[in-house]
Amino acid sequence: MTPLNELGATALVARLARGEITAEALARACLERAALREPVVRAFARLEPERVLEAARALERAGARGPLHGLPFGVKDIIDTFDLPTEYGSPIYAGHRPAADAACVALGRGAGALVFGKTVSTEFATHPPGPTTNPHNPAHTPGGSSSGSAAAVADRMLPLALGTQTGGSVIRPAAFCGVVGYKPSFGLLPRTGVKPISDSFDTVGVFARSVEDAALFAAALSGREALRIPASLNAPRLGLCRTPQWPAALPETHKLFDELPRRLVRAGAHVEALELPAAFAPLADLHGTIWDHEIARCLADEHRRHRDRIREPLIAKLDRGRGVTAEAYDGARRAASESRRRLADAMRDFDALVVPSAPGEAPEGLASTGDSVFNRVWTLLHAPCVNVPAGRGPRGLPLGVQVVGRIGDDARVLACAHWIELS
């Protein structure tokens, strides 16, 4: 029999609803896995087993069964929880205990899910990394900044986890760890109670082991049943887009994108190459201008009062952001807004685009979380994105492809991602 921690969220919800398993039994299975693997993976910033078990028992006593009843989920440590410390990956906030849950956490609890623990974030969801390792090879990065969430789901410690993306912090760690990462359209999931580092880009996202599970989680958190994967799917029209950032792609990604069109066509998709309009080429640089300006203001107090407790390269980013003029910032925002208006037209012949999730496999070493070069443009554009695992690279580490859609067209993007996952 498959251990409970190995099952996905959709299968678990069904078994919990039928009374075949209890929330406590599932929590125990996840805790046993964490006890075995956490010394190597180091996914958690805070994990209290007795609290988890008591919360699971309380769910069973309450009797009410929401759409996520009994499912444990991890919470990235820049997302507030009232009953666990939230330290934002920074020594400045050691032991910090918020008075309230972030909205996304409260909604998860309201749907019957169980907060399992706080997962490691890089410092203020930027740089440098925390201690988390890649579950497939601990000598390699898990990606970031949602490092612990991606690693815990990949290592079967949890079926679901919350993360955030400001540059590439959901899609890239999902690709490196071989799980599904879903960054919704900007604002689809509430970010009240999430430590802000960019008013223009911060987006709450989810990790799961299948697109169907990610859709289940996001639908419950957002109140949008339309996000759930339909029973039948039509073969999609897909635009294969290497993007202006293609020179950063490593050989394994070249090979993947050479083979991918044939695989998708054989499965029934209509696939065409798509080149983005020239106006999209500078967007990755504009993302940097906007984010540098905004993070310097979001972390103005920490920078002013605790500069000596902020590590490189974050301190350099904050210094750089203070030098971005209002004129440069406003100009970058205007260009970003215009590009968002153009996105739907650029995609008019397609249901979704398929683009790289990352340059290649997870890099060796833990000093960096890898390059977000293939993520920043889509974050700037506020587009929904889903990482779909797509095999392994030459070192045996996961590869992923990123499925991107029109702003607000999240249900279609999830459906396309699920179709690709099954092809």
Protein backbone atom coordinates (compact mmCIF):
# COMPACT_ATOMS: atom_id res chain seq x y z
CA MET A 1 0.00 0.00 0.00
CA THR A 2 1.27 3.47 -0.89
CA PRO A 3 2.32 5.45 2.21
CA LEU A 4 -0.04 8.35 2.88
CA ASN A 5 2.72 10.95 2.51
CA GLU A 6 3.32 9.70 -1.04
CA LEU A 7 -0.23 10.44 -2.18
CA GLY A 8 -1.25 13.67 -3.87
CA ALA A 9 -3.73 16.16 -2.49
CA THR A 10 -6.65 15.15 -4.72
CA ALA A 11 -6.38 11.48 -3.76
CA LEU A 12 -5.98 12.36 -0.09
CA VAL A 13 -9.01 14.65 -0.03
CA ALA A 14 -11.15 11.85 -1.45
CA ARG A 15 -9.92 9.33 1.12
CA LEU A 16 -10.38 11.79 3.97
CA ALA A 17 -13.90 12.62 2.79
CA ARG A 18 -14.82 8.92 2.70
CA GLY A 19 -13.45 8.41 6.20
CA GLU A 20 -10.87 5.88 5.01
CA ILE A 21 -8.09 7.82 6.73
CA THR A 22 -7.93 10.51 9.41
CA ALA A 23 -6.21 13.86 9.45
CA GLU A 24 -4.06 12.59 12.32
CA ALA A 25 -2.92 9.52 10.39
CA LEU A 26 -1.92 11.70 7.44
CA ALA A 27 -0.14 14.19 9.69
CA ARG A 28 1.79 11.35 11.34
CA ALA A 29 2.89 9.97 7.97
CA CYS A 30 4.16 13.41 6.92
CA LEU A 31 5.92 13.92 10.26
CA GLU A 32 7.63 10.53 9.97
CA ARG A 33 8.91 11.45 6.51
CA ALA A 34 10.10 14.83 7.77
CA ALA A 35 11.91 13.22 10.71
CA LEU A 36 13.72 10.91 8.29
CA ARG A 37 14.66 13.49 5.64
CA GLU A 38 14.77 16.89 7.31
CA PRO A 39 18.37 16.49 8.55
CA VAL A 40 19.43 16.40 4.87
CA VAL A 41 16.82 18.53 3.09
CA ARG A 42 16.39 21.19 5.80
CA ALA A 43 13.13 22.46 4.35
CA PHE A 44 11.63 23.84 7.54
CA ALA A 45 12.28 27.04 9.44
CA ARG A 46 9.89 25.82 12.16
CA LEU A 47 8.22 22.46 12.69
CA GLU A 48 6.48 21.48 15.95
CA PRO A 49 5.25 17.86 15.73
CA GLU A 50 3.04 17.90 18.81
CA ARG A 51 1.29 21.06 17.66
CA VAL A 52 0.68 19.44 14.26
CA LEU A 53 -0.85 16.32 15.80
CA GLU A 54 -3.07 18.29 18.17
CA ALA A 55 -4.29 20.45 15.29
CA ALA A 56 -5.07 17.30 13.28
CA ARG A 57 -7.05 15.84 16.18
CA ALA A 58 -8.92 19.14 16.59
CA LEU A 59 -9.94 19.02 12.93
CA GLU A 60 -11.44 15.58 13.42
CA ARG A 61 -13.27 16.65 16.60
CA ALA A 62 -14.73 19.71 14.87
CA GLY A 63 -16.49 17.56 12.31
CA ALA A 64 -16.78 20.34 9.68
CA ARG A 65 -15.17 19.27 6.42
CA GLY A 66 -14.11 21.93 3.98
CA PRO A 67 -12.68 21.28 0.50
CA LEU A 68 -9.16 20.84 1.92
CA HIS A 69 -10.15 18.94 5.07
CA GLY A 70 -7.17 17.36 6.77
CA LEU A 71 -4.54 18.30 4.18
CA PRO A 72 -1.23 19.47 5.69
CA PHE A 73 0.40 22.43 3.95
CA GLY A 74 3.66 24.29 4.37
CA VAL A 75 3.84 28.08 4.69
CA LYS A 76 6.79 30.04 3.38
CA ASP A 77 8.46 31.98 6.17
CA ILE A 78 7.62 35.40 4.77
CA ILE A 79 3.89 34.61 5.17
CA ASP A 80 2.46 35.42 8.61
CA THR A 81 1.07 32.78 10.96
CA PHE A 82 -0.41 33.61 14.36
CA ASP A 83 0.68 30.35 15.99
CA LEU A 84 4.20 29.96 14.62
CA PRO A 85 7.09 32.42 14.34
CA THR A 86 7.48 34.30 11.07
CA GLU A 87 11.07 35.45 10.68
CA TYR A 88 11.22 36.42 6.97
CA GLY A 89 14.51 34.53 6.64
CA SER A 90 16.25 37.34 8.55
CA PRO A 91 17.98 37.54 11.95
CA ILE A 92 16.30 40.94 12.39
CA TYR A 93 13.01 39.12 13.00
CA ALA A 94 14.26 36.18 15.07
CA GLY A 95 11.36 34.94 17.21
CA HIS A 96 8.87 37.36 15.64
CA ARG A 97 5.27 36.29 16.26
CA PRO A 98 2.58 38.03 14.20
CA ALA A 99 -0.80 38.65 15.78
CA ALA A 100 -2.72 37.25 12.82
CA ASP A 101 -2.52 34.82 9.94
CA ALA A 102 -1.88 36.09 6.45
CA ALA A 103 -5.10 36.02 4.45
CA CYS A 104 -3.97 33.04 2.33
CA VAL A 105 -3.18 31.02 5.47
CA ALA A 106 -6.49 31.93 7.12
CA LEU A 107 -8.34 30.89 3.97
CA GLY A 108 -6.47 27.59 3.92
CA ARG A 109 -7.40 26.87 7.53
CA GLY A 110 -10.98 27.92 6.79
CA ALA A 111 -11.10 25.32 4.02
CA GLY A 112 -10.05 22.64 6.51
CA ALA A 113 -6.33 22.46 5.78
CA LEU A 114 -3.69 22.06 8.48
CA VAL A 115 -0.68 24.36 8.83
CA PHE A 116 2.16 21.86 9.10
CA GLY A 117 5.14 24.18 9.52
CA LYS A 118 7.01 27.21 8.27
CA THR A 119 9.23 26.50 5.27
CA VAL A 120 12.60 28.09 4.65
CA SER A 121 12.74 31.32 2.67
CA THR A 122 15.82 33.14 1.50
CA GLU A 123 16.46 36.41 3.36
CA PHE A 124 13.39 38.58 2.77
CA ALA A 125 12.60 36.31 -0.20
CA THR A 126 15.65 37.63 -2.07
CA HIS A 127 19.25 36.67 -1.31
CA PRO A 128 21.24 35.02 0.19
CA PRO A 129 19.88 31.46 0.44
CA GLY A 130 18.86 29.57 3.52
CA PRO A 131 20.09 26.06 4.41
CA THR A 132 17.66 24.03 2.24
CA THR A 133 19.12 21.49 -0.19
CA ASN A 134 17.73 19.90 -3.33
CA PRO A 135 15.96 16.62 -2.39
CA HIS A 136 17.31 14.95 -5.53
CA ASN A 137 20.94 15.80 -4.71
CA PRO A 138 21.84 17.77 -1.57
CA ALA A 139 24.92 19.21 -3.25
CA HIS A 140 22.62 21.27 -5.50
CA THR A 141 20.35 24.24 -4.82
CA PRO A 142 16.60 23.70 -4.53
CA GLY A 143 16.09 27.14 -6.08
CA GLY A 144 14.50 30.03 -4.28
CA SER A 145 13.26 32.04 -2.71
CA SER A 146 10.50 29.53 -1.90
CA SER A 147 13.19 26.94 -1.24
CA GLY A 148 11.65 25.02 1.64
CA SER A 149 8.17 24.84 0.15
CA ALA A 150 9.40 23.33 -3.12
CA ALA A 151 11.77 20.91 -1.38
CA ALA A 152 9.21 19.71 1.20
CA VAL A 153 6.63 18.92 -1.49
CA ALA A 154 9.23 17.27 -3.72
CA ASP A 155 10.52 15.09 -0.88
CA ARG A 156 7.03 13.85 0.01
CA MET A 157 6.99 15.58 3.39
CA LEU A 158 3.88 17.51 2.34
CA PRO A 159 1.27 17.36 -0.42
CA LEU A 160 0.92 21.16 -0.68
CA ALA A 161 2.75 24.36 0.22
CA LEU A 162 2.46 28.11 -0.18
CA GLY A 163 5.19 30.22 -1.75
CA THR A 164 5.58 33.65 -3.28
CA GLN A 165 7.07 34.97 -6.51
CA THR A 166 8.51 38.41 -7.13
CA GLY A 167 11.06 37.35 -9.74
CA GLY A 168 11.05 33.58 -10.21
CA SER A 169 10.53 32.25 -6.71
CA VAL A 170 7.75 29.74 -7.43
CA ILE A 171 8.49 28.56 -10.96
CA ARG A 172 12.27 28.12 -10.65
CA PRO A 173 12.36 26.07 -7.40
CA ALA A 174 9.47 23.98 -8.72
CA ALA A 175 11.53 23.23 -11.84
CA PHE A 176 14.70 22.48 -9.88
CA CYS A 177 12.87 20.19 -7.43
CA GLY A 178 10.63 18.46 -9.98
CA VAL A 179 7.19 19.55 -8.72
CA VAL A 180 4.33 21.65 -10.00
CA GLY A 181 4.54 25.33 -9.16
CA TYR A 182 1.65 27.66 -9.98
CA LYS A 183 2.11 31.44 -9.94
CA PRO A 184 -1.37 32.86 -10.48
CA SER A 185 -2.25 36.07 -12.23
CA PHE A 186 -1.16 39.01 -10.08
CA GLY A 187 -3.57 39.49 -7.20
CA LEU A 188 -5.61 36.31 -7.63
CA LEU A 189 -4.55 35.07 -4.18
CA PRO A 190 -4.54 37.72 -1.43
CA ARG A 191 -1.17 38.88 -0.14
CA THR A 192 -2.32 40.64 3.04
CA GLY A 193 0.03 39.40 5.74
CA VAL A 194 2.88 38.61 3.34
CA LYS A 195 6.07 40.60 3.93
CA PRO A 196 6.11 43.02 0.97
CA ILE A 197 9.20 43.43 -1.17
CA SER A 198 7.54 44.73 -4.35
CA ASP A 199 4.12 46.32 -4.65
CA SER A 200 4.12 45.67 -8.40
CA PHE A 201 5.15 42.00 -8.45
CA ASP A 202 4.66 40.10 -5.16
CA THR A 203 2.38 37.14 -5.92
CA VAL A 204 1.23 34.28 -3.67
CA GLY A 205 1.60 30.91 -5.39
CA VAL A 206 1.30 27.21 -4.62
CA PHE A 207 3.35 24.00 -4.86
CA ALA A 208 1.93 20.53 -5.42
CA ARG A 209 2.87 17.23 -7.03
CA SER A 210 0.36 17.51 -9.88
CA VAL A 211 -1.42 20.29 -11.73
CA GLU A 212 -4.73 18.89 -10.53
CA ASP A 213 -3.56 19.21 -6.92
CA ALA A 214 -2.34 22.77 -7.46
CA ALA A 215 -5.68 23.69 -9.02
CA LEU A 216 -7.54 22.13 -6.08
CA PHE A 217 -5.51 24.19 -3.60
CA ALA A 218 -5.81 27.47 -5.52
CA ALA A 219 -9.53 27.00 -6.13
CA ALA A 220 -10.17 26.56 -2.40
CA LEU A 221 -8.03 29.56 -1.44
CA SER A 222 -9.54 31.87 -4.07
CA GLY A 223 -13.15 30.69 -4.05
CA ARG A 224 -12.89 30.05 -7.81
CA GLU A 225 -14.18 26.58 -8.59
CA ALA A 226 -13.49 27.30 -12.27
CA LEU A 227 -9.78 26.75 -11.55
CA ARG A 228 -10.41 23.04 -10.95
CA ILE A 229 -9.33 20.80 -13.83
CA PRO A 230 -12.36 19.74 -15.93
CA ALA A 231 -13.17 16.09 -16.51
CA SER A 232 -12.41 16.33 -20.24
CA LEU A 233 -9.79 18.43 -21.99
CA ASN A 234 -9.44 19.52 -25.59
CA ALA A 235 -6.01 19.37 -27.20
CA PRO A 236 -4.60 22.89 -26.85
CA ARG A 237 -3.10 25.34 -29.32
CA LEU A 238 0.37 26.03 -27.94
CA GLY A 239 2.93 28.65 -28.84
CA LEU A 240 6.48 27.38 -28.34
CA CYS A 241 8.38 30.50 -27.32
CA ARG A 242 12.10 30.43 -26.60
CA THR A 243 11.90 34.12 -25.49
CA PRO A 244 14.58 36.82 -25.87
CA GLN A 245 16.37 35.23 -22.91
CA TRP A 246 17.14 32.07 -24.87
CA PRO A 247 20.95 32.67 -24.91
CA ALA A 248 20.88 31.81 -21.18
CA ALA A 249 19.50 28.32 -21.87
CA LEU A 250 21.84 25.42 -21.13
CA PRO A 251 22.30 22.39 -23.45
CA GLU A 252 19.70 20.30 -21.57
CA THR A 253 17.08 22.99 -22.22
CA HIS A 254 18.07 23.18 -25.90
CA LYS A 255 17.56 19.42 -26.14
CA LEU A 256 14.26 19.58 -24.27
CA PHE A 257 12.86 22.28 -26.56
CA ASP A 258 14.07 20.46 -29.65
CA GLU A 259 12.15 17.34 -28.61
CA LEU A 260 9.12 18.92 -26.98
CA PRO A 261 7.17 19.99 -30.11
CA ARG A 262 7.19 16.46 -31.54
CA ARG A 263 5.97 15.02 -28.27
CA LEU A 264 3.14 17.52 -27.97
CA VAL A 265 2.07 17.13 -31.60
CA ARG A 266 2.01 13.35 -31.25
CA ALA A 267 -0.31 13.77 -28.28
CA GLY A 268 -2.66 15.91 -30.40
CA ALA A 269 -1.70 19.53 -29.70
CA HIS A 270 -1.33 22.19 -32.36
CA VAL A 271 2.14 23.64 -31.82
CA GLU A 272 3.73 26.62 -33.54
CA ALA A 273 6.86 28.60 -32.82
CA LEU A 274 6.17 32.09 -31.51
CA GLU A 275 8.54 35.03 -31.35
CA LEU A 276 7.55 37.80 -28.97
CA PRO A 277 7.29 41.36 -30.33
CA ALA A 278 10.47 43.41 -30.11
CA ALA A 279 8.87 45.63 -27.48
CA PHE A 280 9.06 42.71 -25.01
CA ALA A 281 12.87 42.40 -25.25
CA PRO A 282 13.75 44.98 -22.54
CA LEU A 283 11.18 43.77 -20.03
CA ALA A 284 13.61 41.68 -17.96
CA ASP A 285 15.73 44.78 -17.37
CA LEU A 286 12.65 46.87 -16.58
CA HIS A 287 11.69 44.28 -13.97
CA GLY A 288 15.01 44.95 -12.24
CA THR A 289 14.50 48.72 -12.28
CA ILE A 290 11.02 48.48 -10.77
CA TRP A 291 11.92 45.86 -8.18
CA ASP A 292 15.11 47.62 -7.04
CA HIS A 293 13.17 50.84 -6.50
CA GLU A 294 10.33 49.13 -4.64
CA ILE A 295 12.32 46.82 -2.38
CA ALA A 296 14.44 49.75 -1.20
CA ARG A 297 11.21 51.36 -0.02
CA CYS A 298 9.54 48.21 1.31
CA LEU A 299 12.61 47.49 3.47
CA ALA A 300 13.44 51.13 4.23
CA ASP A 301 13.19 50.65 8.00
CA GLU A 302 15.31 47.49 8.04
CA HIS A 303 17.89 49.21 5.81
CA ARG A 304 18.01 52.30 8.02
CA ARG A 305 18.04 50.67 11.47
CA HIS A 306 19.56 47.23 10.85
CA ARG A 307 21.91 47.63 7.92
CA ASP A 308 24.64 45.66 9.70
CA ARG A 309 22.29 42.63 10.00
CA ILE A 310 21.42 42.45 6.29
CA ARG A 311 23.73 40.24 4.24
CA GLU A 312 25.12 40.57 0.75
CA PRO A 313 23.95 40.59 -1.97
CA LEU A 314 20.70 41.97 -0.53
CA ILE A 315 22.37 45.03 0.96
CA ALA A 316 23.80 45.89 -2.45
CA LYS A 317 20.34 45.56 -4.00
CA LEU A 318 18.88 47.93 -1.42
CA ASP A 319 21.68 50.44 -2.02
CA ARG A 320 21.13 50.16 -5.76
CA GLY A 321 17.39 50.65 -5.35
CA ARG A 322 17.89 53.90 -3.47
CA GLY A 323 19.70 55.16 -6.56
CA VAL A 324 16.85 54.48 -8.99
CA THR A 325 15.31 57.83 -9.83
CA ALA A 326 11.57 58.45 -9.75
CA GLU A 327 11.73 59.24 -13.48
CA ALA A 328 13.36 55.89 -14.31
CA TYR A 329 10.89 54.03 -12.08
CA ASP A 330 7.84 55.75 -13.54
CA GLY A 331 9.08 55.16 -17.09
CA ALA A 332 9.62 51.47 -16.40
CA ARG A 333 6.14 51.15 -14.91
CA ARG A 334 4.57 52.80 -17.95
CA ALA A 335 6.40 50.42 -20.28
CA ALA A 336 5.32 47.45 -18.17
CA SER A 337 1.68 48.54 -18.25
CA GLU A 338 1.78 48.94 -22.03
CA SER A 339 3.31 45.47 -22.46
CA ARG A 340 0.56 43.96 -20.31
CA ARG A 341 -1.99 45.44 -22.68
CA ARG A 342 -0.13 43.87 -25.62
CA LEU A 343 0.19 40.39 -24.15
CA ALA A 344 -3.26 39.13 -25.15
CA ASP A 345 -2.72 40.25 -28.74
CA ALA A 346 0.69 38.57 -28.88
CA MET A 347 -1.01 35.32 -27.77
CA ARG A 348 -4.15 35.69 -29.90
CA ASP A 349 -3.64 32.44 -31.85
CA PHE A 350 -2.87 30.27 -28.81
CA ASP A 351 -4.41 28.91 -25.64
CA ALA A 352 -1.06 29.17 -23.85
CA LEU A 353 2.66 29.58 -24.41
CA VAL A 354 5.32 27.02 -23.51
CA VAL A 355 8.59 28.64 -22.42
CA PRO A 356 11.61 27.57 -20.34
CA SER A 357 11.19 27.47 -16.55
CA ALA A 358 14.91 27.82 -15.86
CA PRO A 359 18.20 27.74 -17.78
CA GLY A 360 18.60 24.02 -17.03
CA GLU A 361 19.08 21.69 -14.08
CA ALA A 362 19.62 23.03 -10.56
CA PRO A 363 23.17 24.40 -10.30
CA GLU A 364 25.66 22.76 -7.96
CA GLY A 365 26.31 24.51 -4.66
CA LEU A 366 24.13 26.29 -2.11
CA ALA A 367 25.55 29.80 -2.37
CA SER A 368 23.00 30.75 -5.05
CA THR A 369 19.43 29.75 -5.87
CA GLY A 370 20.00 29.96 -9.63
CA ASP A 371 19.01 32.46 -12.30
CA SER A 372 15.44 33.79 -12.67
CA VAL A 373 16.14 34.99 -16.21
CA PHE A 374 13.23 32.98 -17.69
CA ASN A 375 10.74 34.11 -15.02
CA ARG A 376 11.11 37.85 -14.56
CA VAL A 377 9.31 38.90 -17.76
CA TRP A 378 6.18 36.86 -16.96
CA THR A 379 6.12 38.14 -13.38
CA LEU A 380 6.33 41.70 -14.68
CA LEU A 381 3.50 40.96 -17.12
CA HIS A 382 1.27 39.65 -14.27
CA ALA A 383 0.64 36.49 -16.31
CA PRO A 384 -0.37 33.12 -14.83
CA CYS A 385 2.45 30.55 -15.02
CA VAL A 386 2.69 26.85 -14.22
CA ASN A 387 5.86 24.77 -14.04
CA VAL A 388 5.29 21.26 -15.37
CA PRO A 389 8.02 18.65 -14.67
CA ALA A 390 9.55 17.54 -17.96
CA GLY A 391 12.04 14.76 -17.33
CA ARG A 392 15.66 14.85 -16.21
CA GLY A 393 18.85 16.47 -17.37
CA PRO A 394 22.30 14.97 -17.87
CA ARG A 395 23.08 14.91 -14.12
CA GLY A 396 19.79 13.22 -13.28
CA LEU A 397 18.16 16.36 -11.88
CA PRO A 398 14.66 17.55 -12.82
CA LEU A 399 13.83 19.80 -15.76
CA GLY A 400 10.62 21.75 -16.22
CA VAL A 401 8.67 23.70 -18.79
CA GLN A 402 6.69 26.83 -18.01
CA VAL A 403 3.14 27.20 -19.30
CA VAL A 404 2.09 30.87 -19.56
CA GLY A 405 -1.28 32.44 -20.31
CA ARG A 406 -3.14 35.70 -20.65
CA ILE A 407 -3.66 37.79 -17.52
CA GLY A 408 -6.72 36.46 -15.70
CA ASP A 409 -6.96 33.34 -17.87
CA ASP A 410 -5.76 31.06 -15.08
CA ALA A 411 -8.28 28.26 -15.59
CA ARG A 412 -7.21 27.80 -19.21
CA VAL A 413 -3.52 27.86 -18.27
CA LEU A 414 -4.00 25.21 -15.59
CA ALA A 415 -5.98 23.05 -18.01
CA CYS A 416 -3.24 23.37 -20.67
CA ALA A 417 -0.57 22.56 -18.08
CA HIS A 418 -2.50 19.46 -17.01
CA TRP A 419 -2.84 18.37 -20.63
CA ILE A 420 0.92 18.76 -21.15
CA GLU A 421 1.58 16.90 -17.87
CA LEU A 422 -0.40 13.94 -19.18
CA SER A 423 1.00 13.98 -22.73
